[in-house]
Amino acid sequence: MPEARSGGRAGEAASTARFVSGSILRHVLVMSATGSVGLVAIFAVDLLSLFYVSKLADPALTAAVGFASIVQFFAVAINIGLMIAAGALVSRTIGAGDPSGARRIATSVTVHGLIAAGLLAALLLALLDPLLGAIGAEGHTLEVAKRYLWISLPSNLLLGPGMLFTGLLRAVGAAREAMFVTLGGAVVTIFVDPLLIFGFGLGVDGAALAVCIARVTFIAVGWAGVRRYRLLQAPSLGAILGDLPLVVRIALPAVLTNLAPSVASAFVAHALSGFGPPAIAGNVVIDRLAPVAFCGLFAMSGSIGPILGQNWGAGRFDRMRAVLRGGALVTAVYVLTVWLLLVLARHPLAGAFELDGVAAELFVFFCLVSGPVWFFNGLLFLSNASFNNLGFPFVSTLLNWGRATLGTIPPALAGAAWYGPEGVIAGTGIGSIAFGLTGLTLAFRAVGRLERGVPPEAKPVLDGSAADEAVQAAPSSGMSLQGNALDSAR
C-alpha cells in the first residue's frame, strides 16, 4: 500500500490534534451529526431492502433475512473490534505528535483486518447449518437464509478493511470523509436493490447481491480517503508482526464486547422463534428500524473516541469529563425526540411493512417502550466508547456481556412465559437500565483514576519497538446492540 502523496493541507491533517481546544459540545455534535448522516444512509437502505423483501408477501422470507443478519452481525462485531483498535491507536499517536507512527500502525492494522475478514467469512460459511439451526431457522426459512449468506458473506473481505478506513479517518478528525465512505455504498444500493429484487426477479438473492455491490463502493471510497490524508504507507512484515500484540491488546476486548450484542440478538431470535415466523418477521423489522431511528447514538459513541483520545494525550481531564456530560445530554434529547416520532408513526409503519397479527402487535409494542430502553442503551454505548479509549477495555467487555446475559436471558425467558412475544421485547429492555447507569458511573471513575495517575488495565505502546513500555498519557475510539455494531451491517 504505497503512501499517498497529496497536497499540503490533507497531509498536515493527520498531525493536527483538533479536539484539544474549542467547545466540547460542538465537537460531539459535529462528529455525531456527520457520523449520523453516513450511518442513517446505511441503515435506511438496509431498512428499505427489508421493505422490498416484505413486499414479496411471505413472512418466511422476511424471517430468513433476519436470521441471516444475525449471522452477519458476528462478522461485523469482529470488524468493529479492529476498527476500534485502529482508531484508538492512531488517534492517540496523533495526539502525542507522532504522525509517522500513526501511519505505521494504520498500515499494520489494515493488513490484520484483511486477513481476519477472510478467515472469518470462511469460518462462518463452514458453520452455517449449526449456527442458523441454533437460533431457530428451519425448513424453507433456513434454506433461504443459507443462500443469502453464501452470496453476501464473502464480501466481508471488503467490509472489514472498509470499516477500518472509516475508523482511521475519524481518528484524524476527517468526519466528512468518513461519512462519504458509508454514504457512497448506501447511495449505490438505493438504485441496485430494487433493480435486482424486482427488476431481475431475484428476490432475496437480489438483496444479498446488493450488499456485495454496496461493499465494493464502501471500500473504494474509503481507500480514496485514507490516501488523501496519507494514513497508509508501504507495509513492512516486521511492523505488521511487531504491531500485532499492540492491536490484539485493544481489538480482542473490543471484539468480545461487540460480540455480546450479537449473542443477545441470537438468543432473542431463538426465544421468538417459538411463536412462529410472524413473530420473527416483526422482530426483524424492529431490528432494521431501530438502527435508523437511533443511529445518532451509534454515531456519537463512535465519534467521542477520537475526542477522548486526543484530550487524554494532551492531559485535559476536565475536557474528558465534559465529553461524558455532553454525550449524556445529547443522548437524552435525541432519544426523547425519536421516541415521540415512533409513538406517533407506529401504526402507519406497521402497515408499510405488511405486518399484521402477532407481527404488528410486537412492532407497535416496541415503538411504545423504545424511549426508556434506548436512553439507557445510549448511556451504555457512551460508556463502552469511553472504556475502549481510556485503557479499560475489559470493563466494557464485562458490561456488555452482563447486559447480553444477566440483562437479557432471564428477563426475556420470564417475559416470554408470562406475556408472549411482547414479554421477550420488554424483558430485553429491563437490563438496559441497570447496565446503562452503571456504565456511565464507571466511565467518570475511569477518568478520575487516570487523573490521579493510576495506570489503565491496558497499556498500549506508541512505539512498536518498545513492546513493554507503558504509555503515561495517551488513548481513543469506540462504537456499538445489534447495536454496537454496527452500526454497520453493510
Protein backbone atom coordinates (compact mmCIF):
# COMPACT_ATOMS: atom_id res chain seq x y z
CA MET A 1 0.00 0.00 0.00
CA PRO A 2 2.03 2.91 -1.15
CA GLU A 3 1.88 6.06 0.84
CA ALA A 4 -0.37 8.60 -0.79
CA ARG A 5 1.14 11.83 -1.98
CA SER A 6 -1.38 14.55 -1.65
CA GLY A 7 -1.45 18.26 -1.07
CA GLY A 8 -0.20 20.08 1.97
CA ARG A 9 -3.40 20.58 3.89
CA ALA A 10 -4.52 16.99 3.53
CA GLY A 11 -1.14 15.73 4.62
CA GLU A 12 -0.98 18.08 7.59
CA ALA A 13 -4.42 17.00 8.84
CA ALA A 14 -3.01 13.73 10.10
CA SER A 15 -0.78 15.55 12.58
CA THR A 16 -3.37 18.04 13.94
CA ALA A 17 -4.92 17.38 17.36
CA ARG A 18 -8.03 19.45 16.70
CA PHE A 19 -10.12 18.27 19.65
CA VAL A 20 -7.95 19.61 22.50
CA SER A 21 -9.42 23.11 22.17
CA GLY A 22 -12.80 24.65 21.40
CA SER A 23 -16.29 23.71 22.54
CA ILE A 24 -16.58 20.07 23.62
CA LEU A 25 -20.33 20.05 22.96
CA ARG A 26 -19.71 21.40 19.46
CA HIS A 27 -17.11 18.70 18.75
CA VAL A 28 -19.52 16.00 19.97
CA LEU A 29 -22.41 17.39 17.92
CA VAL A 30 -20.40 17.89 14.72
CA MET A 31 -18.75 14.46 14.84
CA SER A 32 -22.04 12.78 15.78
CA ALA A 33 -24.06 14.63 13.14
CA THR A 34 -21.69 13.77 10.31
CA GLY A 35 -21.47 10.21 11.57
CA SER A 36 -25.25 10.00 11.71
CA VAL A 37 -25.60 11.00 8.08
CA GLY A 38 -23.41 8.13 6.96
CA LEU A 39 -24.96 5.63 9.36
CA VAL A 40 -28.56 6.58 8.65
CA ALA A 41 -27.77 6.15 4.96
CA ILE A 42 -26.53 2.61 5.58
CA PHE A 43 -29.34 1.61 7.90
CA ALA A 44 -32.06 3.36 5.90
CA VAL A 45 -31.02 1.47 2.79
CA ASP A 46 -30.89 -1.72 4.85
CA LEU A 47 -34.42 -0.96 6.06
CA LEU A 48 -35.50 -0.17 2.50
CA SER A 49 -34.11 -3.52 1.36
CA LEU A 50 -36.20 -5.24 4.02
CA PHE A 51 -39.18 -3.16 2.90
CA TYR A 52 -38.76 -4.56 -0.62
CA VAL A 53 -38.47 -8.10 0.74
CA SER A 54 -41.63 -7.60 2.82
CA LYS A 55 -43.49 -6.73 -0.39
CA LEU A 56 -42.85 -10.30 -1.54
CA ALA A 57 -45.68 -11.05 0.94
CA ASP A 58 -44.03 -14.04 2.61
CA PRO A 59 -43.19 -13.73 6.34
CA ALA A 60 -40.84 -16.70 5.98
CA LEU A 61 -38.63 -14.66 3.59
CA THR A 62 -38.57 -11.71 5.98
CA ALA A 63 -37.66 -14.06 8.81
CA ALA A 64 -34.89 -15.61 6.67
CA VAL A 65 -33.30 -12.20 6.12
CA GLY A 66 -33.45 -11.66 9.88
CA PHE A 67 -31.71 -14.95 10.66
CA ALA A 68 -29.05 -14.22 8.04
CA SER A 69 -28.48 -10.76 9.51
CA ILE A 70 -27.81 -12.22 12.95
CA VAL A 71 -25.01 -14.35 11.50
CA GLN A 72 -23.69 -11.30 9.64
CA PHE A 73 -23.56 -9.40 12.93
CA PHE A 74 -20.91 -11.81 14.21
CA ALA A 75 -18.66 -10.78 11.31
CA VAL A 76 -19.45 -7.11 11.87
CA ALA A 77 -18.52 -7.43 15.55
CA ILE A 78 -15.03 -8.64 14.63
CA ASN A 79 -14.63 -5.83 12.11
CA ILE A 80 -15.73 -3.27 14.68
CA GLY A 81 -13.17 -4.56 17.17
CA LEU A 82 -10.36 -3.97 14.68
CA MET A 83 -11.82 -0.59 13.72
CA ILE A 84 -11.79 0.41 17.39
CA ALA A 85 -8.16 -0.66 17.73
CA ALA A 86 -7.20 1.28 14.61
CA GLY A 87 -8.98 4.44 15.70
CA ALA A 88 -7.72 4.23 19.27
CA LEU A 89 -4.07 3.67 18.40
CA VAL A 90 -3.93 6.15 15.53
CA SER A 91 -5.77 8.98 17.34
CA ARG A 92 -3.64 8.71 20.46
CA THR A 93 -0.45 8.58 18.42
CA ILE A 94 -1.52 11.72 16.59
CA GLY A 95 -2.38 13.35 19.92
CA ALA A 96 1.16 12.58 21.07
CA GLY A 97 2.58 14.25 17.93
CA ASP A 98 3.81 11.17 16.03
CA PRO A 99 2.20 11.09 12.54
CA SER A 100 4.76 8.60 11.16
CA GLY A 101 3.93 6.16 13.95
CA ALA A 102 0.25 6.64 13.17
CA ARG A 103 0.81 5.65 9.53
CA ARG A 104 2.78 2.57 10.55
CA ILE A 105 0.05 1.38 12.90
CA ALA A 106 -2.70 2.20 10.39
CA THR A 107 -0.98 0.10 7.75
CA SER A 108 -0.40 -2.84 10.09
CA VAL A 109 -3.98 -2.96 11.37
CA THR A 110 -5.33 -2.73 7.80
CA VAL A 111 -3.38 -5.87 6.88
CA HIS A 112 -4.53 -7.56 10.08
CA GLY A 113 -8.13 -6.63 9.24
CA LEU A 114 -7.95 -8.00 5.71
CA ILE A 115 -6.63 -11.37 6.92
CA ALA A 116 -9.17 -11.58 9.76
CA ALA A 117 -12.08 -10.71 7.44
CA GLY A 118 -11.22 -13.53 5.05
CA LEU A 119 -10.73 -16.14 7.77
CA LEU A 120 -13.95 -15.13 9.48
CA ALA A 121 -16.04 -15.37 6.30
CA ALA A 122 -14.68 -18.86 5.63
CA LEU A 123 -15.37 -19.99 9.21
CA LEU A 124 -18.95 -18.70 9.26
CA LEU A 125 -19.74 -20.31 5.91
CA ALA A 126 -18.46 -23.63 7.21
CA LEU A 127 -20.73 -23.38 10.27
CA LEU A 128 -23.92 -22.06 8.66
CA ASP A 129 -26.13 -25.08 9.38
CA PRO A 130 -25.44 -25.32 13.13
CA LEU A 131 -25.48 -21.54 13.58
CA LEU A 132 -28.80 -20.99 11.82
CA GLY A 133 -30.31 -24.06 13.44
CA ALA A 134 -29.31 -22.86 16.90
CA ILE A 135 -31.17 -19.56 16.52
CA GLY A 136 -34.36 -21.22 15.27
CA ALA A 137 -34.18 -21.25 11.47
CA GLU A 138 -35.76 -24.30 9.85
CA GLY A 139 -37.37 -25.54 6.65
CA HIS A 140 -37.74 -23.06 3.80
CA THR A 141 -36.60 -20.17 6.02
CA LEU A 142 -33.32 -21.99 6.73
CA GLU A 143 -32.62 -22.62 3.05
CA VAL A 144 -33.28 -19.01 2.06
CA ALA A 145 -31.08 -17.70 4.89
CA LYS A 146 -28.23 -20.02 3.85
CA ARG A 147 -28.44 -18.89 0.24
CA TYR A 148 -28.41 -15.23 1.31
CA LEU A 149 -25.27 -15.79 3.38
CA TRP A 150 -23.42 -17.78 0.72
CA ILE A 151 -23.85 -14.77 -1.55
CA SER A 152 -23.13 -11.97 0.93
CA LEU A 153 -20.64 -13.32 3.48
CA PRO A 154 -17.61 -13.48 1.11
CA SER A 155 -17.91 -9.71 0.69
CA ASN A 156 -16.76 -9.39 4.30
CA LEU A 157 -13.31 -9.22 2.68
CA LEU A 158 -14.39 -5.76 1.51
CA LEU A 159 -16.38 -4.74 4.55
CA GLY A 160 -13.57 -5.37 7.04
CA PRO A 161 -10.98 -3.01 5.50
CA GLY A 162 -13.74 -0.55 4.57
CA MET A 163 -14.79 -0.23 8.20
CA LEU A 164 -11.16 0.17 9.21
CA PHE A 165 -10.83 3.08 6.81
CA THR A 166 -13.75 4.89 8.45
CA GLY A 167 -12.11 4.43 11.84
CA LEU A 168 -8.81 5.79 10.55
CA LEU A 169 -10.48 8.84 9.01
CA ARG A 170 -12.34 9.59 12.23
CA ALA A 171 -9.10 9.23 14.19
CA VAL A 172 -7.72 12.28 12.37
CA GLY A 173 -10.99 14.19 12.67
CA ALA A 174 -11.93 13.74 8.99
CA ALA A 175 -15.61 13.24 9.84
CA ARG A 176 -16.88 14.31 6.42
CA GLU A 177 -14.65 11.89 4.52
CA ALA A 178 -15.64 9.07 6.89
CA MET A 179 -19.28 9.93 6.22
CA PHE A 180 -18.72 9.71 2.46
CA VAL A 181 -17.45 6.12 2.85
CA THR A 182 -20.75 4.85 4.22
CA LEU A 183 -22.86 7.28 2.21
CA GLY A 184 -21.35 6.11 -1.08
CA GLY A 185 -22.31 2.48 -0.54
CA ALA A 186 -25.78 3.48 0.58
CA VAL A 187 -26.49 5.63 -2.47
CA VAL A 188 -25.43 2.85 -4.84
CA THR A 189 -27.66 0.35 -3.04
CA ILE A 190 -30.72 2.59 -3.30
CA PHE A 191 -30.69 2.01 -7.05
CA VAL A 192 -29.31 -1.53 -7.16
CA ASP A 193 -31.58 -3.12 -4.55
CA PRO A 194 -34.97 -2.74 -6.30
CA LEU A 195 -33.39 -3.45 -9.67
CA LEU A 196 -32.10 -6.84 -8.51
CA ILE A 197 -35.03 -7.78 -6.27
CA PHE A 198 -37.83 -6.81 -8.66
CA GLY A 199 -36.29 -5.82 -11.99
CA PHE A 200 -34.39 -9.08 -12.41
CA GLY A 201 -36.82 -11.05 -10.23
CA LEU A 202 -34.07 -12.31 -7.90
CA GLY A 203 -35.99 -11.73 -4.66
CA VAL A 204 -33.95 -12.29 -1.51
CA ASP A 205 -30.93 -13.32 -3.60
CA GLY A 206 -31.03 -9.87 -5.20
CA ALA A 207 -30.93 -8.26 -1.75
CA ALA A 208 -27.81 -10.29 -0.94
CA LEU A 209 -26.13 -9.26 -4.20
CA ALA A 210 -26.92 -5.62 -3.43
CA VAL A 211 -24.99 -6.00 -0.16
CA CYS A 212 -21.91 -7.09 -2.12
CA ILE A 213 -22.14 -4.21 -4.58
CA ALA A 214 -22.54 -1.71 -1.73
CA ARG A 215 -19.37 -3.02 -0.10
CA VAL A 216 -17.37 -2.56 -3.30
CA THR A 217 -18.29 1.13 -3.23
CA PHE A 218 -17.65 1.25 0.52
CA ILE A 219 -14.03 0.17 0.27
CA ALA A 220 -13.33 2.20 -2.87
CA VAL A 221 -14.41 5.49 -1.27
CA GLY A 222 -12.61 4.62 1.97
CA TRP A 223 -9.39 3.88 0.12
CA ALA A 224 -9.57 7.27 -1.59
CA GLY A 225 -9.99 8.95 1.80
CA VAL A 226 -7.06 7.32 3.57
CA ARG A 227 -4.83 8.05 0.58
CA ARG A 228 -5.80 11.70 0.67
CA TYR A 229 -4.83 12.00 4.33
CA ARG A 230 -1.68 9.91 3.88
CA LEU A 231 -2.75 7.43 6.53
CA LEU A 232 -1.06 4.40 4.96
CA GLN A 233 2.43 3.52 3.86
CA ALA A 234 4.17 0.56 2.24
CA PRO A 235 3.58 -2.44 4.55
CA SER A 236 6.51 -3.99 6.38
CA LEU A 237 6.40 -7.59 7.60
CA GLY A 238 8.37 -6.60 10.68
CA ALA A 239 5.93 -3.81 11.54
CA ILE A 240 2.89 -6.00 10.81
CA LEU A 241 4.12 -8.71 13.17
CA GLY A 242 5.54 -6.26 15.70
CA ASP A 243 2.30 -4.28 15.95
CA LEU A 244 0.12 -7.40 16.24
CA PRO A 245 0.32 -7.69 20.07
CA LEU A 246 -0.45 -3.98 20.34
CA VAL A 247 -3.52 -4.30 18.10
CA VAL A 248 -4.73 -7.52 19.76
CA ARG A 249 -4.48 -5.89 23.19
CA ILE A 250 -7.19 -3.41 22.19
CA ALA A 251 -9.03 -5.35 19.48
CA LEU A 252 -9.60 -8.55 21.50
CA PRO A 253 -11.60 -6.98 24.34
CA ALA A 254 -13.37 -4.74 21.81
CA VAL A 255 -14.33 -7.81 19.75
CA LEU A 256 -15.56 -9.60 22.86
CA THR A 257 -17.54 -6.50 23.81
CA ASN A 258 -19.22 -6.27 20.42
CA LEU A 259 -19.91 -9.99 20.20
CA ALA A 260 -22.15 -9.71 23.25
CA PRO A 261 -25.00 -7.87 21.45
CA SER A 262 -24.79 -10.42 18.62
CA VAL A 263 -25.20 -13.25 21.11
CA ALA A 264 -28.11 -11.41 22.75
CA SER A 265 -29.76 -10.90 19.34
CA ALA A 266 -29.34 -14.59 18.55
CA PHE A 267 -30.97 -15.51 21.85
CA VAL A 268 -33.89 -13.14 21.25
CA ALA A 269 -34.44 -14.67 17.80
CA HIS A 270 -34.37 -18.14 19.34
CA ALA A 271 -36.89 -17.10 22.01
CA LEU A 272 -39.22 -15.55 19.43
CA SER A 273 -38.94 -18.48 17.01
CA GLY A 274 -41.25 -20.42 19.33
CA PHE A 275 -44.06 -18.02 18.38
CA GLY A 276 -43.67 -18.69 14.64
CA PRO A 277 -42.38 -16.80 11.56
CA PRO A 278 -44.72 -13.79 12.12
CA ALA A 279 -43.03 -13.02 15.46
CA ILE A 280 -39.61 -13.34 13.85
CA ALA A 281 -40.73 -11.10 10.97
CA GLY A 282 -41.91 -8.43 13.41
CA ASN A 283 -38.62 -8.59 15.28
CA VAL A 284 -36.67 -8.31 12.01
CA VAL A 285 -38.44 -5.05 11.19
CA ILE A 286 -37.68 -3.80 14.71
CA ASP A 287 -34.02 -4.72 14.31
CA ARG A 288 -33.81 -2.85 11.00
CA LEU A 289 -35.85 0.19 12.08
CA ALA A 290 -34.14 0.73 15.44
CA PRO A 291 -30.69 1.49 13.96
CA VAL A 292 -32.28 4.01 11.59
CA ALA A 293 -34.23 5.69 14.36
CA PHE A 294 -31.40 5.67 16.90
CA CYS A 295 -28.39 5.89 14.60
CA GLY A 296 -27.37 9.12 16.34
CA LEU A 297 -26.47 7.10 19.43
CA PHE A 298 -24.24 4.80 17.40
CA ALA A 299 -22.63 7.76 15.69
CA MET A 300 -21.99 9.53 18.98
CA SER A 301 -20.40 6.50 20.63
CA GLY A 302 -18.13 6.14 17.60
CA SER A 303 -17.35 9.85 17.44
CA ILE A 304 -16.32 10.59 21.02
CA GLY A 305 -13.40 8.16 20.78
CA PRO A 306 -11.03 10.50 18.94
CA ILE A 307 -12.17 13.41 21.14
CA LEU A 308 -11.39 11.50 24.32
CA GLY A 309 -8.16 10.10 22.89
CA GLN A 310 -6.71 13.44 21.83
CA ASN A 311 -7.61 15.08 25.15
CA TRP A 312 -6.07 12.21 27.09
CA GLY A 313 -2.95 12.59 25.01
CA ALA A 314 -2.95 16.30 25.94
CA GLY A 315 -3.69 15.61 29.62
CA ARG A 316 -7.02 17.53 29.56
CA PHE A 317 -9.07 15.54 32.08
CA ASP A 318 -11.55 18.37 32.59
CA ARG A 319 -12.45 18.20 28.91
CA MET A 320 -12.74 14.42 29.10
CA ARG A 321 -15.43 14.75 31.80
CA ALA A 322 -17.16 17.34 29.67
CA VAL A 323 -17.28 14.81 26.82
CA LEU A 324 -19.17 12.36 29.05
CA ARG A 325 -21.59 15.01 30.30
CA GLY A 326 -22.19 16.34 26.80
CA GLY A 327 -22.72 12.82 25.46
CA ALA A 328 -25.34 12.03 28.12
CA LEU A 329 -27.18 15.29 27.39
CA VAL A 330 -27.22 14.67 23.64
CA THR A 331 -28.45 11.12 24.28
CA ALA A 332 -31.41 12.32 26.38
CA VAL A 333 -32.57 14.99 23.93
CA TYR A 334 -32.12 12.77 20.89
CA VAL A 335 -33.94 9.74 22.35
CA LEU A 336 -36.89 11.84 23.56
CA THR A 337 -37.36 13.28 20.06
CA VAL A 338 -37.13 9.93 18.28
CA TRP A 339 -39.41 8.21 20.81
CA LEU A 340 -42.17 10.74 20.20
CA LEU A 341 -41.92 10.23 16.44
CA LEU A 342 -42.06 6.42 16.76
CA VAL A 343 -45.13 6.56 19.00
CA LEU A 344 -46.96 8.78 16.53
CA ALA A 345 -45.97 6.71 13.47
CA ARG A 346 -46.29 3.20 14.93
CA HIS A 347 -49.41 2.07 13.05
CA PRO A 348 -48.52 3.53 9.62
CA LEU A 349 -45.07 1.94 9.87
CA ALA A 350 -46.52 -1.47 10.74
CA GLY A 351 -48.81 -1.25 7.73
CA ALA A 352 -46.00 -0.18 5.39
CA PHE A 353 -44.06 -3.37 6.18
CA GLU A 354 -47.12 -5.59 5.67
CA LEU A 355 -47.16 -6.54 9.37
CA ASP A 356 -50.36 -7.90 10.85
CA GLY A 357 -51.43 -10.09 13.74
CA VAL A 358 -48.61 -11.04 16.09
CA ALA A 359 -46.00 -9.23 14.00
CA ALA A 360 -47.90 -5.92 14.09
CA GLU A 361 -48.62 -6.19 17.82
CA LEU A 362 -44.95 -6.83 18.56
CA PHE A 363 -43.82 -3.88 16.44
CA VAL A 364 -46.33 -1.44 17.96
CA PHE A 365 -45.31 -2.51 21.47
CA PHE A 366 -41.67 -1.80 20.65
CA CYS A 367 -42.50 1.72 19.48
CA LEU A 368 -44.30 2.44 22.75
CA VAL A 369 -41.47 1.29 25.04
CA SER A 370 -38.43 2.15 22.91
CA GLY A 371 -37.65 5.52 24.51
CA PRO A 372 -36.56 4.47 28.04
CA VAL A 373 -34.85 1.34 26.73
CA TRP A 374 -32.78 3.23 24.17
CA PHE A 375 -31.85 6.06 26.54
CA PHE A 376 -30.09 3.60 28.82
CA ASN A 377 -28.70 1.70 25.83
CA GLY A 378 -27.26 5.03 24.70
CA LEU A 379 -25.56 5.55 28.07
CA LEU A 380 -24.06 2.08 27.76
CA PHE A 381 -22.80 2.86 24.23
CA LEU A 382 -21.24 6.08 25.54
CA SER A 383 -19.57 4.19 28.39
CA ASN A 384 -18.27 1.46 26.10
CA ALA A 385 -16.63 4.04 23.85
CA SER A 386 -15.02 5.65 26.89
CA PHE A 387 -13.59 2.42 28.30
CA ASN A 388 -12.28 1.33 24.91
CA ASN A 389 -10.41 4.60 24.58
CA LEU A 390 -9.22 5.13 28.13
CA GLY A 391 -7.35 1.87 28.55
CA PHE A 392 -10.10 -0.06 30.37
CA PRO A 393 -11.48 -2.24 27.55
CA PHE A 394 -12.29 -5.21 29.78
CA VAL A 395 -14.74 -3.10 31.80
CA SER A 396 -16.62 -2.53 28.55
CA THR A 397 -16.46 -6.25 27.85
CA LEU A 398 -17.86 -7.17 31.26
CA LEU A 399 -20.68 -4.62 31.00
CA ASN A 400 -21.70 -5.77 27.53
CA TRP A 401 -21.65 -9.44 28.41
CA GLY A 402 -23.52 -8.74 31.62
CA ARG A 403 -26.13 -6.89 29.60
CA ALA A 404 -26.28 -9.69 27.00
CA THR A 405 -26.61 -12.48 29.58
CA LEU A 406 -27.95 -11.45 33.01
CA GLY A 407 -29.69 -8.43 31.50
CA THR A 408 -31.25 -10.36 28.62
CA ILE A 409 -31.71 -14.10 29.08
CA PRO A 410 -33.54 -14.35 32.46
CA PRO A 411 -35.92 -11.41 31.86
CA ALA A 412 -36.57 -12.49 28.25
CA LEU A 413 -37.43 -16.03 29.30
CA ALA A 414 -39.69 -14.76 32.08
CA GLY A 415 -41.33 -12.28 29.73
CA ALA A 416 -41.93 -14.95 27.09
CA ALA A 417 -43.55 -17.24 29.67
CA TRP A 418 -45.80 -14.54 31.12
CA TYR A 419 -46.58 -12.18 28.26
CA GLY A 420 -45.62 -13.89 24.99
CA PRO A 421 -43.61 -12.10 22.24
CA GLU A 422 -44.11 -8.66 23.83
CA GLY A 423 -42.69 -10.06 27.05
CA VAL A 424 -39.49 -11.02 25.23
CA ILE A 425 -39.03 -7.44 23.99
CA ALA A 426 -39.85 -5.97 27.41
CA GLY A 427 -37.50 -8.38 29.14
CA THR A 428 -34.55 -7.50 26.94
CA GLY A 429 -35.12 -3.81 27.73
CA ILE A 430 -35.12 -4.18 31.51
CA GLY A 431 -31.41 -4.93 31.71
CA SER A 432 -30.53 -1.73 29.90
CA ILE A 433 -31.47 0.43 32.90
CA ALA A 434 -29.04 -1.05 35.41
CA PHE A 435 -26.18 -1.52 32.96
CA GLY A 436 -26.55 1.92 31.37
CA LEU A 437 -26.36 3.73 34.72
CA THR A 438 -23.54 1.53 35.97
CA GLY A 439 -21.53 2.08 32.80
CA LEU A 440 -21.71 5.88 32.92
CA THR A 441 -20.78 5.96 36.60
CA LEU A 442 -17.74 3.77 35.97
CA ALA A 443 -16.72 5.92 32.98
CA PHE A 444 -16.45 9.02 35.21
CA ARG A 445 -14.48 6.98 37.74
CA ALA A 446 -12.09 5.83 34.99
CA VAL A 447 -11.28 9.44 34.10
CA GLY A 448 -10.66 10.16 37.78
CA ARG A 449 -8.30 7.21 38.08
CA LEU A 450 -6.28 8.37 35.10
CA GLU A 451 -6.10 11.89 36.51
CA ARG A 452 -4.72 10.52 39.79
CA GLY A 453 -2.03 8.68 37.85
CA VAL A 454 -3.47 5.17 38.26
CA PRO A 455 -2.36 3.24 35.15
CA PRO A 456 -5.09 1.76 32.92
CA GLU A 457 -5.57 -2.01 32.71
CA ALA A 458 -4.37 -1.92 29.07
CA LYS A 459 -1.00 -0.33 28.41
CA PRO A 460 -0.65 0.07 24.66
CA VAL A 461 2.57 1.36 23.25
CA LEU A 462 3.19 4.04 20.70
CA ASP A 463 6.49 2.63 19.58
CA GLY A 464 6.31 -0.94 18.36
CA SER A 465 9.97 -1.49 19.15
CA ALA A 466 9.37 -0.86 22.85
CA ALA A 467 6.93 -3.65 23.44
CA ASP A 468 6.71 -3.35 27.21
CA GLU A 469 6.90 0.40 27.65
CA ALA A 470 3.89 1.96 29.40
CA VAL A 471 2.20 4.99 27.94
CA GLN A 472 1.57 7.61 30.60
CA ALA A 473 -0.75 9.95 28.75
CA ALA A 474 -2.48 8.80 25.69
CA PRO A 475 -5.57 6.64 24.36
CA SER A 476 -9.02 6.59 21.88
CA SER A 477 -12.30 5.13 19.66
CA GLY A 478 -15.46 3.07 20.08
CA MET A 479 -18.77 2.13 18.65
CA SER A 480 -21.53 -0.21 19.49
CA LEU A 481 -26.98 -3.67 20.21
CA GLN A 482 -27.27 -5.18 17.20
CA GLY A 483 -26.37 -2.07 18.15
CA ASN A 484 -22.99 -1.65 18.98
CA ALA A 485 -22.44 -2.99 15.72
CA LEU A 486 -22.94 -1.69 13.87
CA ASP A 487 -23.53 0.00 13.46
CA SER A 488 -22.60 -1.25 10.01
CA ALA A 489 -24.46 -4.22 8.70
CA ARG A 490 -23.26 -3.31 5.24
